[in-house]
Structures are given as structure tokens and as C-alpha cells.
Protein backbone atom coordinates (compact mmCIF):
# COMPACT_ATOMS: atom_id res chain seq x y z
CA MET A 1 95.62 47.11 -12.10
CA LYS A 2 98.02 44.38 -13.16
CA ARG A 3 100.90 46.82 -12.73
CA ASP A 4 99.96 47.52 -9.11
CA GLU A 5 99.60 43.81 -8.33
CA PHE A 6 103.05 43.13 -9.78
CA LEU A 7 104.63 45.99 -7.82
CA ARG A 8 103.14 44.74 -4.55
CA GLN A 9 104.68 41.32 -5.23
CA ILE A 10 108.17 42.80 -5.56
CA ASN A 11 107.83 45.22 -2.64
CA GLY A 12 110.78 44.58 -0.29
CA LEU A 13 112.93 43.03 -3.03
CA ALA A 14 116.63 43.13 -2.13
CA LEU A 15 118.52 45.66 -4.24
CA GLY A 16 122.17 45.96 -5.07
CA ASN A 17 124.86 43.35 -4.90
CA ALA A 18 124.70 40.98 -1.92
CA LYS A 19 125.64 37.41 -1.07
CA ALA A 20 125.49 35.73 2.35
CA ASP A 21 127.79 37.82 4.59
CA GLU A 22 128.93 40.08 1.75
CA LEU A 23 127.36 43.18 0.27
CA VAL A 24 128.26 46.08 -1.98
CA GLU A 25 126.67 49.43 -1.23
CA GLY A 26 127.66 52.76 -2.74
CA GLY A 27 131.22 51.86 -3.66
CA VAL A 28 131.92 49.97 -0.43
CA TYR A 29 132.47 46.23 -0.15
CA ILE A 30 131.59 44.79 3.27
CA HIS A 31 132.28 41.30 4.57
CA LYS A 32 130.36 40.88 7.81
CA GLY A 33 131.77 37.46 8.63
CA LEU A 34 135.39 38.62 8.50
CA ARG A 35 134.43 42.11 9.77
CA PHE A 36 136.19 44.27 7.19
CA GLY A 37 135.36 46.77 4.50
CA LEU A 38 137.05 48.01 1.34
CA ASP A 39 136.25 51.01 -0.84
CA PHE A 40 136.56 50.83 -4.60
CA PRO A 41 136.33 53.61 -7.23
CA GLU A 42 133.23 54.19 -9.31
CA SER A 43 135.21 53.15 -12.39
CA TYR A 44 135.36 49.56 -11.06
CA SER A 45 132.53 47.02 -11.28
CA ALA A 46 132.05 44.58 -8.39
CA ASN A 47 131.65 40.81 -8.70
CA LEU A 48 130.80 38.70 -5.64
CA ASN A 49 131.12 35.49 -7.67
CA PRO A 50 134.60 35.83 -9.19
CA ALA A 51 136.19 33.21 -11.41
CA ASP A 52 139.07 32.82 -8.94
CA PRO A 53 137.75 30.23 -6.44
CA ASP A 54 139.96 31.65 -3.66
CA ALA A 55 138.67 35.21 -4.03
CA LEU A 56 135.80 36.56 -1.97
CA ALA A 57 135.19 39.39 -4.42
CA ALA A 58 136.78 40.98 -7.47
CA PHE A 59 136.58 44.50 -8.87
CA THR A 60 137.33 45.19 -12.53
CA ARG A 61 138.12 48.31 -14.51
CA LEU A 62 138.40 48.44 -18.30
CA LEU A 63 140.23 51.36 -19.86
CA LYS A 64 142.21 52.42 -22.88
CA THR A 65 145.89 53.24 -22.62
CA SER A 66 147.47 56.32 -24.17
CA GLY A 67 148.36 54.10 -27.12
CA GLY A 68 144.71 53.21 -27.66
CA GLN A 69 145.09 49.64 -26.40
CA ALA A 70 142.50 48.07 -24.09
CA GLN A 71 143.70 47.36 -20.56
CA GLN A 72 142.03 45.52 -17.71
CA ARG A 73 142.79 46.24 -14.06
CA VAL A 74 141.51 43.81 -11.46
CA VAL A 75 141.50 44.07 -7.67
CA GLY A 76 140.66 40.96 -5.67
CA VAL A 77 140.21 40.11 -1.99
CA GLU A 78 140.88 36.81 -0.26
CA GLY A 79 140.25 36.03 3.39
CA ARG A 80 140.35 33.16 5.84
CA ILE A 81 140.54 32.35 9.53
CA LEU A 82 143.89 30.88 10.56
CA GLU A 83 144.28 28.02 13.02
CA GLN A 84 146.84 30.08 14.89
CA ALA A 85 147.84 33.72 14.86
CA ARG A 86 150.79 34.75 12.67
CA SER A 87 152.44 38.01 11.76
CA SER A 88 151.52 39.51 8.40
CA GLU A 89 155.07 38.87 7.16
CA GLU A 90 154.93 35.21 8.22
CA TYR A 91 151.61 34.82 6.48
CA ALA A 92 152.95 36.41 3.27
CA THR A 93 155.86 33.99 3.21
CA ARG A 94 153.68 30.95 3.86
CA TYR A 95 151.04 32.09 1.33
CA LEU A 96 153.57 32.49 -1.48
CA SER A 97 155.29 29.19 -0.70
CA ASN A 98 151.93 27.46 -1.18
CA LEU A 99 150.94 29.37 -4.32
CA LYS A 100 150.25 26.79 -7.00
CA VAL A 101 150.51 29.00 -10.10
CA GLN A 102 153.86 29.64 -11.78
CA HIS A 103 155.19 32.90 -10.39
CA ARG A 104 158.27 34.96 -9.68
CA VAL A 105 158.64 37.62 -6.96
CA VAL A 106 160.11 40.74 -8.56
CA GLY A 107 159.74 43.24 -5.73
CA GLN A 108 158.59 43.88 -2.19
CA ALA A 109 157.64 46.89 -0.12
CA TRP A 110 155.10 48.08 2.47
CA VAL A 111 151.71 49.74 2.26
CA SER A 112 149.40 51.32 4.85
CA MET A 113 146.31 49.23 5.51
CA ALA A 114 143.88 49.19 8.45
CA GLY A 115 146.11 51.52 10.44
CA ALA A 116 149.26 49.41 10.02
CA ARG A 117 152.21 49.03 7.67
CA VAL A 118 151.81 45.68 5.98
CA PRO A 119 154.06 43.74 3.60
CA THR A 120 153.49 43.69 -0.14
CA ARG A 121 154.98 41.62 -2.94
CA VAL A 122 155.14 42.25 -6.67
CA LEU A 123 154.77 39.03 -8.65
CA ASP A 124 154.88 38.03 -12.28
CA VAL A 125 152.39 35.20 -12.77
CA THR A 126 152.55 33.14 -15.95
CA SER A 127 149.70 31.13 -17.42
CA GLN A 128 148.57 29.99 -20.86
CA GLY A 129 147.10 33.43 -21.41
CA GLY A 130 150.45 35.15 -20.85
CA THR A 131 152.06 37.04 -17.98
CA LEU A 132 150.34 39.29 -15.46
CA ARG A 133 151.99 41.47 -12.85
CA LEU A 134 150.42 41.54 -9.40
CA LEU A 135 150.75 43.72 -6.33
CA MET A 136 149.72 41.68 -3.27
CA ALA A 137 149.24 43.05 0.27
CA PHE A 138 148.99 40.81 3.32
CA ILE A 139 147.45 41.59 6.70
CA VAL A 140 146.66 39.42 9.71
CA ARG A 141 144.66 40.67 12.68
CA ASN A 142 144.12 38.16 15.46
CA ARG A 143 143.53 35.08 13.28
CA THR A 144 141.83 36.83 10.37
CA ALA A 145 144.13 36.80 7.34
CA LEU A 146 143.37 38.98 4.33
CA VAL A 147 145.09 39.32 0.98
CA VAL A 148 144.27 42.23 -1.31
CA TYR A 149 145.80 42.10 -4.77
CA GLY A 150 145.71 44.14 -7.94
CA PHE A 151 146.89 42.98 -11.33
CA THR A 152 147.20 44.07 -14.92
CA ASP A 153 149.58 43.46 -17.82
CA PRO A 154 153.26 44.18 -17.05
CA ALA A 155 153.38 47.15 -19.44
CA GLY A 156 150.60 48.93 -17.58
CA PHE A 157 151.57 47.95 -14.04
CA GLN A 158 153.58 51.02 -13.02
CA GLU A 159 150.73 53.31 -14.03
CA ALA A 160 148.16 51.12 -12.26
CA ARG A 161 150.16 50.55 -9.06
CA PRO A 162 149.28 53.85 -7.29
CA GLU A 163 145.59 53.12 -7.93
CA PHE A 164 145.96 49.62 -6.49
CA GLU A 165 147.71 51.04 -3.43
CA ARG A 166 144.96 53.62 -2.87
CA ILE A 167 142.30 50.91 -2.94
CA MET A 168 144.33 48.72 -0.58
CA GLY A 169 144.68 51.68 1.78
CA THR A 170 140.90 51.88 2.25
CA LEU A 171 140.70 48.43 3.85
CA ARG A 172 139.67 48.60 7.51
CA PHE A 173 138.35 46.28 10.17
CA ILE A 174 134.86 47.29 11.30
CA PRO A 175 133.46 47.20 14.87
CA ASP A 176 130.31 45.12 15.39
CA ARG A 177 128.20 48.20 16.12
CA GLU A 178 129.09 49.73 12.76
CA LEU A 179 128.68 46.39 10.96
CA ALA A 180 125.08 46.26 12.11
CA THR A 181 124.35 49.45 10.16
CA TYR A 182 125.24 47.81 6.84
CA LYS A 183 122.11 46.19 5.49
CA THR A 184 120.95 45.17 2.06
CA THR A 185 118.68 47.91 0.74
CA GLN A 186 115.15 46.86 -0.16
CA LEU A 187 112.80 48.20 -2.80
CA ARG A 188 110.08 50.44 -1.37
CA LEU A 189 106.70 51.42 -2.76
CA VAL A 190 105.09 54.82 -2.26
CA THR A 191 101.86 56.34 -3.55
CA GLY A 192 102.09 59.50 -5.59
CA ARG A 193 100.48 62.61 -4.11
CA ALA A 194 98.76 65.50 -5.82
CA GLY A 195 101.39 67.97 -6.99
CA ASP A 196 104.26 65.47 -6.87
CA THR A 197 107.01 65.74 -9.47
CA TRP A 198 109.80 63.28 -10.09
CA SER A 199 112.25 65.75 -8.58
CA SER A 200 110.15 66.30 -5.47
CA LEU A 201 109.77 62.52 -5.04
CA ALA A 202 113.50 61.96 -5.46
CA SER A 203 114.16 64.71 -2.92
CA ARG A 204 111.61 63.52 -0.36
CA GLU A 205 112.20 59.78 -0.63
CA MET A 206 115.90 59.61 -1.54
CA ASN A 207 117.37 63.01 -0.65
CA ALA A 208 118.50 63.24 -4.26
CA PRO A 209 116.44 65.90 -6.11
CA ASN A 210 118.72 65.82 -9.18
CA GLN A 211 117.80 62.15 -9.73
CA GLY A 212 114.20 62.93 -10.73
CA PRO A 213 114.57 62.00 -14.43
CA ARG A 214 116.26 58.71 -13.53
CA LEU A 215 113.52 57.92 -11.03
CA ALA A 216 110.96 58.43 -13.80
CA ILE A 217 112.83 56.00 -16.08
CA TYR A 218 113.13 53.50 -13.21
CA ASN A 219 109.33 53.57 -13.04
CA GLY A 220 108.94 53.01 -16.77
CA ILE A 221 108.18 56.64 -17.67
CA PHE A 222 110.61 57.48 -20.47
CA ASP A 223 108.97 60.83 -21.25
CA THR A 224 110.38 62.52 -18.16
CA SER A 225 108.20 65.59 -18.72
CA ARG A 226 105.24 63.39 -17.74
CA GLN A 227 104.93 63.75 -13.97
CA PRO A 228 103.67 61.03 -11.60
CA GLU A 229 99.91 60.89 -11.13
CA SER A 230 98.17 61.19 -7.78
CA GLY A 231 97.47 57.69 -6.44
CA MET A 232 100.08 56.09 -8.72
CA LEU A 233 102.10 53.31 -7.08
CA LEU A 234 105.80 54.05 -7.49
CA LYS A 235 109.06 52.15 -6.96
CA ILE A 236 111.71 53.82 -4.80
CA PRO A 237 115.13 52.17 -5.11
CA ASN A 238 118.47 52.96 -3.51
CA ARG A 239 120.80 55.37 -5.32
CA ALA A 240 123.05 52.59 -6.65
CA ALA A 241 120.13 50.75 -8.25
CA LEU A 242 118.86 54.00 -9.74
CA LYS A 243 122.25 54.68 -11.28
CA GLU A 244 122.50 51.17 -12.75
CA LYS A 245 119.02 51.46 -14.24
CA ALA A 246 119.79 54.77 -15.83
């Protein structure tokens, strides 16, 4: 009985990664206030409270190089509303002139983002921890200015650059009607029926029949051959939460 009382208290609990106007859902980062979205690969973890105070969000991937060394790739997003409209190129120039960290521009090019060709810069940034190489893309629409950057160590940059560019290319501005469809998913409770299995529950409630064993574990049943009982109160999460739990 205590279990059911506890579950009723957490019914409707927000799931996933969300903060104010920002949310992460199924590999998509959405910022409702600035009206844009960005996709990131499954291999990246999302952080809506990054160490960089200027960043809205950061996405991190840890991997091993062919030489067996650990490498970190980070993608970050910054955004602000400008007092007056500027071109993306003007904004890039102004942004870099105000950059307070020690840096050197070592290259520039263009990348496709939100249906436009936008300027990019390659920078070497030096700090006490050493040198990092960044690819930074700049876009201004109306007075909304966004910077998407990816960085890693200089030795791994050329290999990482195409991945950074692919992520940057997913950025798009989102119409209000579509923005309204992005909502933080909430935990739901359902009551098990006679004849239910974890697979049938996952299929009926989540349209994901292959997630039955993970749904069992999410509900504290680690012997996945033990099926839900009729009348049993069960937690139904979103797919992302189910994956994290498993």
C-alpha cells in the first residue's frame, strides 16, 4: 500500500531534461524563448547548466582515439537578443573582438544553418589547461543572435569537424505553432489489466513493444519474466527516461 501512495504522489512528475524555456526531448534541444531547435547525436549527453556562463546548453561526447587516448568533444550554444539587427558577418566580427579569452583565428569558412549560409571561424583558445581548437558558427535572424560552437583538442579537430558541422546544420528557427507542441513529458500511472505483459504495456502505452524488459526494470521488477499483476499501479515514462533508467 505504501508503494501505491508513493506512486500517486509522483504522478505527473516532469521527466527528462528541462529548464525554464529550454528542454531536451529525444535528441532535440529546444529553446522556446529564442524560438530555435538543435539536434544532437545519441552519443552526446546534454547539460542545461553548463560551466560556461555564456552558454545556454552544452553537449558532450567522450571517445577514444585510434591511438587509445581519451578525447572530449563539446558542442555549445549561445544566444541573445540584440539591440539592433546586424548581419551574421557583422555579429561574428563584433563577437570575436569582444572575446575575453586569449585566442587566435586560424581559419574561416561558411556552413549551412537554418536555411542560410552563415560565417564560421576556427579559433585556437589558450587557457591554463592548454589549447583547444574551436569551430564557431554565427547566425542572426531579426535581432536573435545565435552562436553554435564545437571544440576539442587540436590533434583531434580535423576528425571532429565534420561532426560539428552536421550538428550545426540541424539548427532551425521554429514557428510558434510548432513550438507549442514541445512540452515537458510527465510521468503517468496506469493500472495493470488481466493478461498484461510488459511488452503489451510498452506497446499500448508507449508504442514501443521492444521496451518491455526496460519498462519492467523501471517499475522495480528486475526479474523480467515476472509479468505485471492485474490491479498493479505502474509507472509509464517517456522513451528517453526509460532509456536512461535502463
